[in-house]
N, C-alpha and C. Protein backbone atom coordinates (compact mmCIF):
# COMPACT_ATOMS: atom_id res chain seq x y z
N MET A 1 44.73 90.85 125.94
CA MET A 1 45.56 92.12 125.63
C MET A 1 44.78 93.00 124.67
N SER A 2 44.84 94.29 124.91
CA SER A 2 43.89 95.15 124.15
C SER A 2 44.73 95.41 122.80
N LEU A 3 43.87 95.94 121.85
CA LEU A 3 44.44 96.24 120.52
C LEU A 3 45.56 97.31 120.57
N LYS A 4 45.33 98.29 121.55
CA LYS A 4 46.26 99.37 121.73
C LYS A 4 47.65 98.76 122.25
N SER A 5 47.52 97.85 123.10
CA SER A 5 48.78 97.19 123.66
C SER A 5 49.65 96.44 122.52
N LEU A 6 48.70 95.78 121.72
CA LEU A 6 49.35 94.92 120.57
C LEU A 6 50.13 95.89 119.66
N LEU A 7 49.43 96.98 119.31
CA LEU A 7 50.04 97.99 118.43
C LEU A 7 51.36 98.47 119.00
N PHE A 8 51.28 98.84 120.23
CA PHE A 8 52.50 99.48 120.88
C PHE A 8 53.70 98.31 120.93
N LEU A 9 53.31 97.11 121.19
CA LEU A 9 54.35 96.01 121.18
C LEU A 9 54.88 95.75 119.81
N SER A 10 54.07 95.84 118.79
CA SER A 10 54.59 95.73 117.39
C SER A 10 55.49 96.74 116.97
N PHE A 11 55.20 98.02 117.43
CA PHE A 11 55.88 99.09 117.12
C PHE A 11 57.37 99.01 117.76
N THR A 12 57.37 98.60 119.02
CA THR A 12 58.63 98.50 119.69
C THR A 12 59.53 97.41 119.03
N LEU A 13 58.92 96.32 118.66
CA LEU A 13 59.78 95.27 118.08
C LEU A 13 60.31 95.71 116.69
N ALA A 14 59.48 96.48 115.97
CA ALA A 14 60.02 97.08 114.70
C ALA A 14 61.20 98.00 114.90
N LEU A 15 61.14 98.77 115.93
CA LEU A 15 62.24 99.54 116.12
C LEU A 15 63.49 98.89 116.54
N LEU A 16 63.36 97.87 117.33
CA LEU A 16 64.51 96.97 117.77
C LEU A 16 65.19 96.28 116.43
N LEU A 17 64.30 95.78 115.58
CA LEU A 17 64.79 95.00 114.42
C LEU A 17 65.60 96.09 113.45
N LEU A 18 64.99 97.35 113.43
CA LEU A 18 65.67 98.42 112.57
C LEU A 18 66.99 98.70 113.03
N SER A 19 66.92 98.86 114.40
CA SER A 19 68.31 99.35 115.00
C SER A 19 69.39 98.29 114.81
N LYS A 20 69.07 96.92 114.95
CA LYS A 20 69.96 95.87 114.68
C LYS A 20 70.52 95.88 113.33
N SER A 21 69.66 96.08 112.35
CA SER A 21 70.04 95.97 110.88
C SER A 21 71.07 97.14 110.60
N GLN A 22 71.05 98.21 111.33
CA GLN A 22 71.91 99.36 110.90
C GLN A 22 73.36 99.22 111.68
N ARG A 23 73.53 98.25 112.52
CA ARG A 23 74.78 98.02 113.14
C ARG A 23 75.89 97.56 112.19
N LEU A 24 77.16 97.64 112.60
CA LEU A 24 78.28 97.29 111.71
C LEU A 24 78.16 95.76 111.36
N ALA A 25 78.26 95.52 110.05
CA ALA A 25 78.05 94.13 109.54
C ALA A 25 79.22 93.32 110.23
N PRO A 26 78.87 92.02 110.60
CA PRO A 26 79.94 91.08 111.19
C PRO A 26 81.08 90.99 110.07
N ILE A 27 82.30 90.66 110.65
CA ILE A 27 83.37 90.39 109.81
C ILE A 27 83.27 89.03 109.18
N PRO A 28 83.38 88.88 107.89
CA PRO A 28 83.35 87.68 107.20
C PRO A 28 84.46 86.72 107.66
N LYS A 29 84.16 85.37 107.66
CA LYS A 29 85.21 84.41 108.13
C LYS A 29 86.09 84.06 106.89
N ASP A 30 85.68 84.30 105.75
CA ASP A 30 86.46 83.98 104.56
C ASP A 30 87.35 85.02 104.01
N LEU A 31 87.74 85.92 104.87
CA LEU A 31 88.70 87.03 104.44
C LEU A 31 90.02 86.45 103.90
N PRO A 32 90.56 87.12 102.89
CA PRO A 32 91.96 86.66 102.36
C PRO A 32 92.99 86.84 103.40
N HIS A 33 94.09 85.97 103.26
CA HIS A 33 95.06 85.93 104.26
C HIS A 33 95.82 87.20 104.40
N SER A 34 95.87 88.02 103.26
CA SER A 34 96.49 89.20 103.18
C SER A 34 95.94 90.38 103.86
N LEU A 35 94.60 90.13 104.29
CA LEU A 35 93.95 91.27 105.00
C LEU A 35 93.36 90.66 106.23
N PRO A 36 94.13 90.93 107.51
CA PRO A 36 93.67 90.43 108.67
C PRO A 36 92.27 90.91 109.11
N ALA A 37 91.65 90.18 109.91
CA ALA A 37 90.29 90.55 110.40
C ALA A 37 90.30 91.86 111.00
N GLN A 38 91.35 92.37 111.87
CA GLN A 38 91.31 93.58 112.51
C GLN A 38 91.54 94.68 111.51
N THR A 39 92.18 94.39 110.49
CA THR A 39 92.32 95.39 109.34
C THR A 39 91.02 95.67 108.63
N TYR A 40 90.30 94.72 108.41
CA TYR A 40 88.92 94.76 107.75
C TYR A 40 87.98 95.64 108.63
N GLN A 41 87.92 95.43 109.88
CA GLN A 41 87.10 96.14 110.81
C GLN A 41 87.59 97.59 110.77
N HIS A 42 88.94 97.80 110.90
CA HIS A 42 89.51 99.17 110.92
C HIS A 42 89.18 99.95 109.62
N ARG A 43 89.11 99.30 108.56
CA ARG A 43 88.99 100.01 107.36
C ARG A 43 87.50 100.26 106.99
N THR A 44 86.59 99.45 107.70
CA THR A 44 85.21 99.59 107.58
C THR A 44 84.69 100.72 108.47
N ALA A 45 85.18 100.67 109.71
CA ALA A 45 84.80 101.68 110.66
C ALA A 45 85.58 103.00 110.73
N ARG A 46 86.78 102.98 110.21
CA ARG A 46 87.56 104.14 110.27
C ARG A 46 87.80 104.74 108.79
N SER A 47 86.84 105.25 108.27
CA SER A 47 86.94 105.76 106.82
C SER A 47 87.24 107.28 106.97
N ASP A 48 87.42 107.84 108.08
CA ASP A 48 87.61 109.37 108.32
C ASP A 48 89.02 109.66 108.54
N LEU A 49 90.07 108.66 108.28
CA LEU A 49 91.38 108.95 108.55
C LEU A 49 91.88 110.12 107.57
N ILE A 50 92.71 110.97 108.09
CA ILE A 50 93.34 112.10 107.35
C ILE A 50 94.82 111.95 107.27
N MET A 51 95.40 112.70 106.36
CA MET A 51 96.91 112.74 106.39
C MET A 51 97.58 113.12 107.60
N SER A 52 98.53 112.34 108.01
CA SER A 52 99.33 112.64 109.15
C SER A 52 100.14 114.04 109.03
N LYS A 53 100.26 114.76 110.05
CA LYS A 53 100.98 116.00 110.02
C LYS A 53 102.47 115.90 109.71
N ASP A 54 103.02 114.67 110.05
CA ASP A 54 104.39 114.32 109.92
C ASP A 54 104.66 113.68 108.64
N LEU A 55 103.74 113.35 107.77
CA LEU A 55 104.09 112.54 106.56
C LEU A 55 103.62 113.36 105.37
N PRO A 56 104.13 113.16 104.11
CA PRO A 56 103.88 113.81 102.95
C PRO A 56 102.88 113.03 102.12
N PHE A 57 102.32 111.96 102.75
CA PHE A 57 101.22 111.07 102.01
C PHE A 57 100.27 110.63 102.98
N ARG A 58 99.18 110.16 102.37
CA ARG A 58 98.02 109.57 103.17
C ARG A 58 98.36 108.08 103.46
N GLU A 59 97.84 107.56 104.59
CA GLU A 59 98.06 106.24 104.93
C GLU A 59 96.71 105.43 105.26
N ASP A 60 95.62 106.06 104.82
CA ASP A 60 94.29 105.37 105.00
C ASP A 60 94.08 104.16 104.22
N ASN A 61 95.03 103.92 103.26
CA ASN A 61 94.83 102.63 102.53
C ASN A 61 95.68 101.55 102.98
N LEU A 62 96.45 101.89 104.00
CA LEU A 62 97.39 100.82 104.53
C LEU A 62 96.75 99.99 105.70
N PRO A 63 97.08 98.83 105.90
CA PRO A 63 96.60 98.00 107.06
C PRO A 63 97.00 98.79 108.32
N ALA A 64 96.13 98.77 109.30
CA ALA A 64 96.17 99.54 110.52
C ALA A 64 97.55 99.22 111.25
N ASN A 65 98.00 97.92 111.21
CA ASN A 65 99.20 97.62 111.95
C ASN A 65 100.53 97.80 111.09
N LEU A 66 100.32 98.45 109.98
CA LEU A 66 101.50 98.67 109.03
C LEU A 66 101.66 100.25 108.75
N THR A 67 101.01 101.11 109.38
CA THR A 67 101.18 102.51 109.14
C THR A 67 102.53 102.94 109.75
N SER A 68 103.02 104.10 109.43
CA SER A 68 104.20 104.61 109.96
C SER A 68 104.32 104.70 111.46
N ALA A 69 103.22 105.09 112.06
CA ALA A 69 103.12 105.06 113.50
C ALA A 69 103.15 103.76 114.21
N ALA A 70 102.48 102.84 113.49
CA ALA A 70 102.35 101.57 114.21
C ALA A 70 103.67 100.64 113.95
N PHE A 71 104.26 100.91 112.76
CA PHE A 71 105.46 100.13 112.37
C PHE A 71 106.55 100.96 111.83
N PRO A 72 107.15 101.76 112.63
CA PRO A 72 108.15 102.75 112.09
C PRO A 72 109.40 102.00 111.42
N LEU A 73 110.05 102.62 110.52
CA LEU A 73 111.22 102.09 109.89
C LEU A 73 112.33 102.98 110.09
N PRO A 74 113.59 102.50 110.04
CA PRO A 74 114.72 103.34 110.23
C PRO A 74 114.82 104.43 109.05
N VAL A 75 115.23 105.70 109.43
CA VAL A 75 115.30 106.76 108.46
C VAL A 75 116.76 106.76 107.91
N PRO A 76 116.84 106.52 106.55
CA PRO A 76 118.26 106.55 105.99
C PRO A 76 119.05 107.87 106.33
N LYS A 77 120.37 107.69 106.44
CA LYS A 77 121.30 108.80 106.63
C LYS A 77 122.22 108.90 105.53
N LEU A 78 122.66 110.22 105.23
CA LEU A 78 123.70 110.45 104.15
C LEU A 78 124.94 110.82 104.78
N ASP A 79 126.09 110.15 104.48
CA ASP A 79 127.42 110.38 105.06
C ASP A 79 128.39 110.60 103.99
N LEU A 80 128.87 111.81 103.84
CA LEU A 80 129.94 112.17 102.80
C LEU A 80 131.05 111.16 102.93
N ASP A 81 131.35 110.38 101.79
CA ASP A 81 132.27 109.29 101.79
C ASP A 81 133.48 109.50 100.89
N PHE A 82 133.26 110.16 99.69
CA PHE A 82 134.41 110.33 98.82
C PHE A 82 134.10 111.38 97.74
N ARG A 83 135.17 111.95 97.30
CA ARG A 83 135.11 112.89 96.09
C ARG A 83 136.02 112.29 94.92
N ILE A 84 135.43 112.47 93.86
CA ILE A 84 136.14 112.08 92.58
C ILE A 84 136.23 113.17 91.53
N VAL A 85 137.36 113.31 90.95
CA VAL A 85 137.58 114.24 89.92
C VAL A 85 138.00 113.60 88.68
N VAL A 86 137.12 113.67 87.60
CA VAL A 86 137.38 112.93 86.32
C VAL A 86 137.80 113.84 85.19
N ASP A 87 138.81 113.63 84.51
CA ASP A 87 139.18 114.39 83.38
C ASP A 87 138.56 113.80 82.08
N LEU A 88 137.99 114.70 81.16
CA LEU A 88 137.28 114.15 80.06
C LEU A 88 137.99 114.51 78.73
N ASN A 89 137.98 113.54 77.88
CA ASN A 89 138.30 113.79 76.42
C ASN A 89 137.09 114.51 75.83
N PRO A 90 137.44 114.99 74.61
CA PRO A 90 136.48 115.69 73.85
C PRO A 90 135.19 114.87 73.49
N LEU A 91 133.99 115.48 73.48
CA LEU A 91 132.78 114.76 73.34
C LEU A 91 132.71 114.21 71.86
N ILE A 92 132.17 112.94 71.68
CA ILE A 92 131.96 112.50 70.39
C ILE A 92 130.46 112.34 70.19
N ALA A 93 129.90 112.95 69.17
CA ALA A 93 128.40 112.91 69.06
C ALA A 93 128.10 111.75 68.20
N VAL A 94 127.43 110.77 68.79
CA VAL A 94 127.13 109.50 68.05
C VAL A 94 125.94 109.77 67.08
N GLY A 95 125.08 110.57 67.49
CA GLY A 95 123.93 110.96 66.60
C GLY A 95 122.54 110.57 67.28
N VAL A 96 121.49 110.84 66.54
CA VAL A 96 120.20 110.71 67.18
C VAL A 96 119.72 109.29 67.03
N GLY A 97 119.58 108.53 68.19
CA GLY A 97 119.04 107.14 68.08
C GLY A 97 117.63 107.09 68.52
N PRO A 98 117.19 105.77 68.81
CA PRO A 98 115.86 105.62 69.06
C PRO A 98 115.40 106.24 70.50
N PHE A 99 116.34 106.62 71.33
CA PHE A 99 116.15 107.15 72.55
C PHE A 99 116.39 108.64 72.82
N GLY A 100 116.97 109.16 71.70
CA GLY A 100 117.32 110.58 71.72
C GLY A 100 118.81 110.70 71.21
N LYS A 101 119.39 111.91 71.33
CA LYS A 101 120.65 112.23 70.80
C LYS A 101 121.68 111.50 71.84
N ARG A 102 122.62 110.78 71.21
CA ARG A 102 123.62 110.02 72.06
C ARG A 102 124.99 110.69 71.85
N ASN A 103 125.57 110.88 73.09
CA ASN A 103 127.03 111.37 73.06
C ASN A 103 127.89 110.35 73.83
N TRP A 104 129.14 110.34 73.44
CA TRP A 104 130.11 109.44 74.02
C TRP A 104 131.36 110.27 74.39
N ILE A 105 131.68 110.14 75.76
CA ILE A 105 132.85 110.89 76.20
C ILE A 105 133.65 109.94 77.09
N SER A 106 134.88 109.71 76.63
CA SER A 106 135.87 108.84 77.38
C SER A 106 136.56 109.67 78.39
N PHE A 107 137.19 108.92 79.27
CA PHE A 107 137.92 109.54 80.42
C PHE A 107 139.40 109.45 80.22
N SER A 108 140.05 110.50 80.45
CA SER A 108 141.43 110.48 80.30
C SER A 108 142.26 110.15 81.58
N GLY A 109 141.49 110.18 82.71
CA GLY A 109 142.20 109.93 83.94
C GLY A 109 141.41 110.69 85.07
N GLY A 110 141.90 110.81 86.30
CA GLY A 110 141.34 111.45 87.39
C GLY A 110 141.98 110.95 88.63
N VAL A 111 141.35 111.51 89.75
CA VAL A 111 141.86 111.16 91.10
C VAL A 111 140.70 111.04 91.97
N PHE A 112 140.83 110.34 93.04
CA PHE A 112 139.72 110.29 94.10
C PHE A 112 140.31 110.21 95.54
N THR A 113 139.62 110.78 96.43
CA THR A 113 140.02 110.70 97.91
C THR A 113 138.77 110.30 98.66
N ALA A 114 139.00 109.30 99.53
CA ALA A 114 137.73 108.74 100.33
C ALA A 114 138.16 108.51 101.81
N LYS A 115 137.20 108.26 102.62
CA LYS A 115 137.44 107.87 104.03
C LYS A 115 138.20 106.68 104.01
N TRP A 116 138.11 105.83 103.02
CA TRP A 116 138.75 104.43 103.13
C TRP A 116 140.00 104.34 102.19
N GLY A 117 140.46 105.44 101.62
CA GLY A 117 141.60 105.42 100.76
C GLY A 117 141.71 106.51 99.71
N THR A 118 142.76 106.44 99.04
CA THR A 118 143.04 107.49 97.87
C THR A 118 143.38 106.63 96.62
N GLY A 119 143.42 107.29 95.48
CA GLY A 119 143.91 106.70 94.31
C GLY A 119 143.56 107.51 92.93
N THR A 120 143.60 106.84 91.90
CA THR A 120 143.46 107.41 90.58
C THR A 120 142.37 106.73 89.79
N VAL A 121 141.86 107.50 88.85
CA VAL A 121 140.96 107.03 87.81
C VAL A 121 141.73 106.56 86.66
N ILE A 122 141.57 105.28 86.32
CA ILE A 122 142.43 104.76 85.19
C ILE A 122 141.83 105.19 83.93
N PRO A 123 142.63 105.71 82.95
CA PRO A 123 142.18 106.15 81.64
C PRO A 123 141.43 104.98 80.95
N GLY A 124 140.37 105.45 80.31
CA GLY A 124 139.64 104.42 79.46
C GLY A 124 138.26 104.29 79.88
N GLY A 125 137.80 104.91 80.99
CA GLY A 125 136.35 104.89 81.33
C GLY A 125 135.56 105.78 80.30
N GLN A 126 134.17 105.70 80.51
CA GLN A 126 133.38 106.46 79.51
C GLN A 126 132.04 106.94 80.21
N ASP A 127 131.46 107.94 79.58
CA ASP A 127 130.14 108.52 79.93
C ASP A 127 129.27 108.28 78.62
N SER A 128 128.30 107.53 78.72
CA SER A 128 127.36 107.44 77.46
C SER A 128 126.09 108.25 77.79
N GLN A 129 125.94 109.27 77.12
CA GLN A 129 124.80 110.23 77.37
C GLN A 129 123.71 110.15 76.44
N ILE A 130 122.37 110.40 76.87
CA ILE A 130 121.27 110.69 76.13
C ILE A 130 120.76 112.10 76.43
N VAL A 131 120.72 112.92 75.46
CA VAL A 131 120.30 114.33 75.61
C VAL A 131 118.90 114.56 75.01
N VAL A 132 118.14 115.11 75.89
CA VAL A 132 116.68 115.47 75.52
C VAL A 132 116.66 116.73 74.68
N ALA A 133 116.22 116.67 73.50
CA ALA A 133 116.33 117.82 72.58
C ALA A 133 115.65 119.05 73.07
N GLU A 134 114.48 118.88 73.66
CA GLU A 134 113.76 120.07 74.04
C GLU A 134 114.29 121.05 75.00
N ASP A 135 114.96 120.43 76.04
CA ASP A 135 115.67 121.27 77.11
C ASP A 135 117.06 120.96 77.39
N LEU A 136 117.62 119.98 76.69
CA LEU A 136 119.02 119.48 76.91
C LEU A 136 119.27 118.82 78.18
N SER A 137 118.23 118.45 78.89
CA SER A 137 118.41 117.60 80.04
C SER A 137 119.14 116.31 79.59
N THR A 138 120.03 115.81 80.42
CA THR A 138 120.96 114.82 80.02
C THR A 138 121.05 113.60 80.99
N ALA A 139 120.74 112.49 80.43
CA ALA A 139 120.81 111.27 81.28
C ALA A 139 122.27 110.75 81.08
N VAL A 140 122.93 110.52 82.20
CA VAL A 140 124.34 110.01 82.12
C VAL A 140 124.35 108.60 82.64
N GLU A 141 125.29 107.87 82.07
CA GLU A 141 125.47 106.41 82.42
C GLU A 141 127.07 106.28 82.26
N THR A 142 127.76 106.18 83.44
CA THR A 142 129.25 106.13 83.30
C THR A 142 129.75 104.83 83.84
N SER A 143 130.91 104.42 83.36
CA SER A 143 131.58 103.12 83.87
C SER A 143 133.01 103.36 83.79
N TYR A 144 133.74 103.19 84.93
CA TYR A 144 135.21 103.34 84.94
C TYR A 144 135.82 102.63 86.06
N LEU A 145 137.20 102.70 86.22
CA LEU A 145 137.92 101.84 87.12
C LEU A 145 138.78 102.70 87.98
N LEU A 146 138.71 102.48 89.22
CA LEU A 146 139.73 103.18 90.23
C LEU A 146 140.80 102.22 90.64
N LYS A 147 141.93 102.82 90.85
CA LYS A 147 143.16 102.01 91.27
C LYS A 147 143.57 102.88 92.70
N THR A 148 143.68 101.99 93.80
CA THR A 148 144.10 102.66 95.07
C THR A 148 145.57 102.87 95.04
N ASP A 149 145.95 103.82 96.03
CA ASP A 149 147.37 104.06 96.17
C ASP A 149 148.12 103.02 96.99
N ASP A 150 147.60 101.99 97.39
CA ASP A 150 148.18 100.91 98.21
C ASP A 150 149.47 100.46 97.53
N ALA A 151 150.60 99.89 98.33
CA ALA A 151 151.63 99.35 97.74
C ALA A 151 151.30 98.21 96.66
N GLU A 152 150.44 97.46 97.11
CA GLU A 152 149.71 96.52 96.14
C GLU A 152 148.32 97.03 95.94
N PRO A 153 148.18 97.67 94.74
CA PRO A 153 146.89 98.48 94.58
C PRO A 153 145.77 97.40 94.48
N ALA A 154 144.54 98.12 94.87
CA ALA A 154 143.18 97.31 94.61
C ALA A 154 142.48 98.03 93.46
N TYR A 155 141.68 97.23 92.66
CA TYR A 155 141.03 97.90 91.62
C TYR A 155 139.46 97.79 91.97
N ILE A 156 138.86 98.89 91.69
CA ILE A 156 137.42 99.11 92.09
C ILE A 156 136.60 99.60 90.93
N THR A 157 135.53 98.89 90.47
CA THR A 157 134.80 99.33 89.32
C THR A 157 133.66 100.23 89.92
N VAL A 158 133.39 101.29 89.06
CA VAL A 158 132.48 102.29 89.41
C VAL A 158 131.46 102.48 88.36
N LYS A 159 130.15 102.45 88.75
CA LYS A 159 129.09 102.68 87.72
C LYS A 159 128.16 103.65 88.26
N THR A 160 127.77 104.68 87.44
CA THR A 160 126.87 105.73 87.88
C THR A 160 125.79 105.97 86.85
N THR A 161 124.54 106.27 87.35
CA THR A 161 123.42 106.76 86.50
C THR A 161 122.88 107.83 87.12
N GLY A 162 122.27 108.80 86.29
CA GLY A 162 121.74 109.93 86.91
C GLY A 162 121.30 110.96 85.83
N TRP A 163 120.97 112.23 86.28
CA TRP A 163 120.38 113.28 85.39
C TRP A 163 121.06 114.58 85.70
N ARG A 164 121.34 115.28 84.64
CA ARG A 164 121.84 116.65 84.77
C ARG A 164 120.79 117.55 83.91
N TYR A 165 120.25 118.43 84.65
CA TYR A 165 119.15 119.27 84.10
C TYR A 165 119.11 120.59 84.70
N GLY A 166 118.55 121.54 84.04
CA GLY A 166 118.36 122.90 84.40
C GLY A 166 117.82 123.75 83.44
N PRO A 167 117.83 125.16 83.48
CA PRO A 167 117.37 126.09 82.44
C PRO A 167 118.16 125.71 81.16
N ARG A 168 117.52 125.97 80.06
CA ARG A 168 118.13 125.64 78.74
C ARG A 168 119.37 126.42 78.52
N ASP A 169 119.37 127.72 78.86
CA ASP A 169 120.56 128.53 78.54
C ASP A 169 121.78 128.07 79.41
N VAL A 170 121.59 127.51 80.59
CA VAL A 170 122.47 127.01 81.49
C VAL A 170 123.15 125.76 80.77
N MET A 171 122.24 124.80 80.39
CA MET A 171 122.65 123.56 79.66
C MET A 171 123.40 123.81 78.45
N GLU A 172 123.09 124.93 77.66
CA GLU A 172 123.83 125.19 76.49
C GLU A 172 125.27 125.64 76.89
N ARG A 173 125.43 126.40 77.96
CA ARG A 173 126.78 126.80 78.47
C ARG A 173 127.65 125.58 78.97
N LEU A 174 126.86 124.63 79.52
CA LEU A 174 127.64 123.47 80.08
C LEU A 174 128.19 122.63 78.92
N PHE A 175 127.41 122.62 77.85
CA PHE A 175 128.00 121.78 76.63
C PHE A 175 129.01 122.47 75.88
N ASP A 176 129.29 123.68 76.28
CA ASP A 176 130.34 124.41 75.55
C ASP A 176 131.56 124.63 76.51
N PRO A 177 132.68 123.74 76.25
CA PRO A 177 133.79 123.76 77.18
C PRO A 177 134.35 125.10 77.36
N ALA A 178 134.21 126.06 76.57
CA ALA A 178 134.81 127.39 76.66
C ALA A 178 133.93 128.18 77.74
N ARG A 179 132.72 127.86 77.92
CA ARG A 179 131.89 128.61 78.85
C ARG A 179 131.51 127.80 80.11
N ALA A 180 131.79 126.49 80.06
CA ALA A 180 131.30 125.61 81.19
C ALA A 180 131.99 126.11 82.52
N ASN A 181 133.17 126.65 82.52
CA ASN A 181 133.70 127.03 83.84
C ASN A 181 132.96 128.12 84.57
N ASP A 182 132.16 128.89 83.70
CA ASP A 182 131.47 130.10 84.40
C ASP A 182 130.13 129.61 84.94
N VAL A 183 129.70 128.40 84.75
CA VAL A 183 128.45 127.89 85.30
C VAL A 183 128.59 127.37 86.76
N LYS A 184 127.84 128.07 87.66
CA LYS A 184 127.96 127.57 89.06
C LYS A 184 127.11 126.28 89.36
N PRO A 185 127.68 125.50 90.27
CA PRO A 185 127.05 124.24 90.55
C PRO A 185 125.44 124.42 90.89
N ASP A 186 125.17 125.42 91.59
CA ASP A 186 123.69 125.65 92.10
C ASP A 186 122.85 126.23 91.02
N GLU A 187 123.35 126.45 89.77
CA GLU A 187 122.47 126.93 88.64
C GLU A 187 121.64 125.76 87.96
N TYR A 188 122.07 124.46 88.29
CA TYR A 188 121.45 123.26 87.62
C TYR A 188 121.48 122.16 88.73
N SER A 189 120.93 121.07 88.30
CA SER A 189 120.97 119.82 89.18
C SER A 189 121.78 118.72 88.43
N PHE A 190 122.71 118.13 89.16
CA PHE A 190 123.44 117.02 88.64
C PHE A 190 123.57 115.90 89.79
N ARG A 191 122.65 114.94 89.69
CA ARG A 191 122.52 113.90 90.81
C ARG A 191 122.68 112.59 90.17
N LEU A 192 123.49 111.78 91.02
CA LEU A 192 123.82 110.37 90.51
C LEU A 192 123.51 109.35 91.48
N ASN A 193 123.30 108.05 91.06
CA ASN A 193 123.30 106.92 91.81
C ASN A 193 124.56 106.20 91.51
N VAL A 194 125.32 105.80 92.56
CA VAL A 194 126.69 105.30 92.44
C VAL A 194 126.77 103.91 92.96
N LYS A 195 127.37 102.92 92.21
CA LYS A 195 127.62 101.67 92.64
C LYS A 195 129.09 101.26 92.47
N MET A 196 129.63 100.50 93.41
CA MET A 196 130.95 100.13 93.40
C MET A 196 131.16 98.59 93.48
N GLU A 197 132.29 98.11 93.13
CA GLU A 197 132.48 96.63 93.22
C GLU A 197 133.99 96.28 93.17
N THR A 198 134.41 95.31 93.97
CA THR A 198 135.83 94.92 93.95
C THR A 198 135.93 93.46 94.34
N GLY A 199 137.08 92.82 94.06
CA GLY A 199 137.25 91.48 94.51
C GLY A 199 138.31 91.50 95.49
N ASP A 200 138.93 92.60 95.80
CA ASP A 200 139.99 92.78 96.75
C ASP A 200 139.53 92.67 98.23
N GLU A 201 140.05 91.69 98.98
CA GLU A 201 139.57 91.47 100.42
C GLU A 201 139.65 92.72 101.17
N ARG A 202 140.59 93.56 100.98
CA ARG A 202 140.70 94.82 101.87
C ARG A 202 139.47 95.86 101.66
N TYR A 203 138.82 95.79 100.61
CA TYR A 203 137.83 96.83 100.22
C TYR A 203 136.39 96.12 100.14
N LYS A 204 136.30 94.79 100.04
CA LYS A 204 134.95 94.09 99.67
C LYS A 204 133.95 94.55 100.57
N SER A 205 134.21 94.54 101.97
CA SER A 205 133.14 94.96 102.85
C SER A 205 132.86 96.42 102.87
N VAL A 206 133.80 97.28 102.29
CA VAL A 206 133.55 98.74 102.32
C VAL A 206 132.64 99.11 101.12
N VAL A 207 132.85 98.43 99.93
CA VAL A 207 132.13 98.98 98.78
C VAL A 207 131.05 98.03 98.22
N ASN A 208 131.31 96.76 98.35
CA ASN A 208 130.41 95.85 97.56
C ASN A 208 129.00 95.98 97.94
N THR A 209 128.55 96.14 99.09
CA THR A 209 127.08 96.12 99.57
C THR A 209 126.59 97.48 99.98
N ALA A 210 127.47 98.54 99.53
CA ALA A 210 127.05 99.88 99.88
C ALA A 210 126.30 100.69 98.79
N MET A 211 125.69 101.67 99.15
CA MET A 211 124.95 102.51 98.13
C MET A 211 125.33 103.91 98.45
N TRP A 212 125.41 104.63 97.29
CA TRP A 212 125.76 106.13 97.46
C TRP A 212 124.78 106.88 96.55
N VAL A 213 124.66 108.15 96.85
CA VAL A 213 124.15 109.14 96.00
C VAL A 213 125.09 110.32 95.85
N GLY A 214 125.24 110.74 94.64
CA GLY A 214 126.29 111.79 94.33
C GLY A 214 125.62 113.07 93.89
N SER A 215 126.42 114.08 94.13
CA SER A 215 126.06 115.50 93.78
C SER A 215 127.34 115.98 93.01
N GLY A 216 127.04 116.40 91.70
CA GLY A 216 128.24 116.61 90.86
C GLY A 216 128.13 118.02 90.16
N ALA A 217 129.24 118.39 89.41
CA ALA A 217 129.30 119.62 88.68
C ALA A 217 130.28 119.33 87.55
N ARG A 218 130.00 120.08 86.45
CA ARG A 218 130.80 119.97 85.28
C ARG A 218 131.71 121.40 85.23
N LEU A 219 133.02 121.24 85.22
CA LEU A 219 133.91 122.40 85.17
C LEU A 219 134.90 122.33 84.04
N GLY A 220 134.49 122.92 82.96
CA GLY A 220 135.21 122.75 81.69
C GLY A 220 135.35 121.33 81.24
N ALA A 221 136.51 120.77 81.07
CA ALA A 221 136.69 119.37 80.68
C ALA A 221 136.88 118.38 81.85
N THR A 222 136.31 118.90 83.04
CA THR A 222 136.37 118.06 84.29
C THR A 222 135.02 117.92 84.90
N VAL A 223 134.73 116.60 85.42
CA VAL A 223 133.64 116.42 86.18
C VAL A 223 133.98 116.11 87.64
N ILE A 224 133.27 116.76 88.61
CA ILE A 224 133.54 116.53 89.98
C ILE A 224 132.31 116.05 90.70
N TYR A 225 132.35 115.09 91.57
CA TYR A 225 131.20 114.78 92.30
C TYR A 225 131.56 114.30 93.67
N ASP A 226 130.75 114.56 94.68
CA ASP A 226 130.82 114.05 96.06
C ASP A 226 129.82 112.84 96.18
N ALA A 227 130.21 111.85 96.77
CA ALA A 227 129.38 110.64 96.88
C ALA A 227 129.04 110.52 98.41
N TYR A 228 127.74 110.42 98.71
CA TYR A 228 127.26 110.33 100.04
C TYR A 228 126.81 108.81 100.30
N ARG A 229 127.33 108.25 101.24
CA ARG A 229 126.91 106.74 101.64
C ARG A 229 125.69 106.82 102.31
N VAL A 230 124.80 105.89 101.79
CA VAL A 230 123.36 105.76 102.46
C VAL A 230 123.52 104.85 103.54
N ALA A 231 123.29 105.27 104.82
CA ALA A 231 123.39 104.44 105.91
C ALA A 231 121.99 104.09 106.58
């Protein structure tokens, strides 16, 4: 074989070896159990994923078989379930504690109406508030008791947590009972997470395992909120 042929053969072999070395590396056999082999290959070869047009977040860091398209989940629905009207006693200022200004407001009573019944708010519940000094945003945490209108009434505990916030001038008016009536519900945000519990057999399946989100308003010495069951 001539020198020219040997040089040509050597050059061809070098090209073949270079081409092989630039291919996708084989998938290791000792991958962790939490990262399937097909996911490893997907994340190595598909680094050009972009945000889905239907989602408000990226999914290129998720396993390929667990994206929203590959593994869709049910979308929660909100269903208006009940309205509560709570009458408030005058606010008691506890003072500034380690977490902010603390207020205590007890409940003098109230009423509720729901898809599953009606009744009253038993006097004695309370709202323990933390007020942020800078803008008067208020973290609320309430606990009270419902009594149904049944001949043999059922008793249902209610606990809520949430925030009331908005422009400072609006919040100042809300804290003034004389001016709170003039504040419209859409001038600020008042949202709650609602939990309920009972031992009464008639209502256990209705309230014990359910979840609600509430939209509320302050009207003078009264708080009103609608609770939406999360389905």
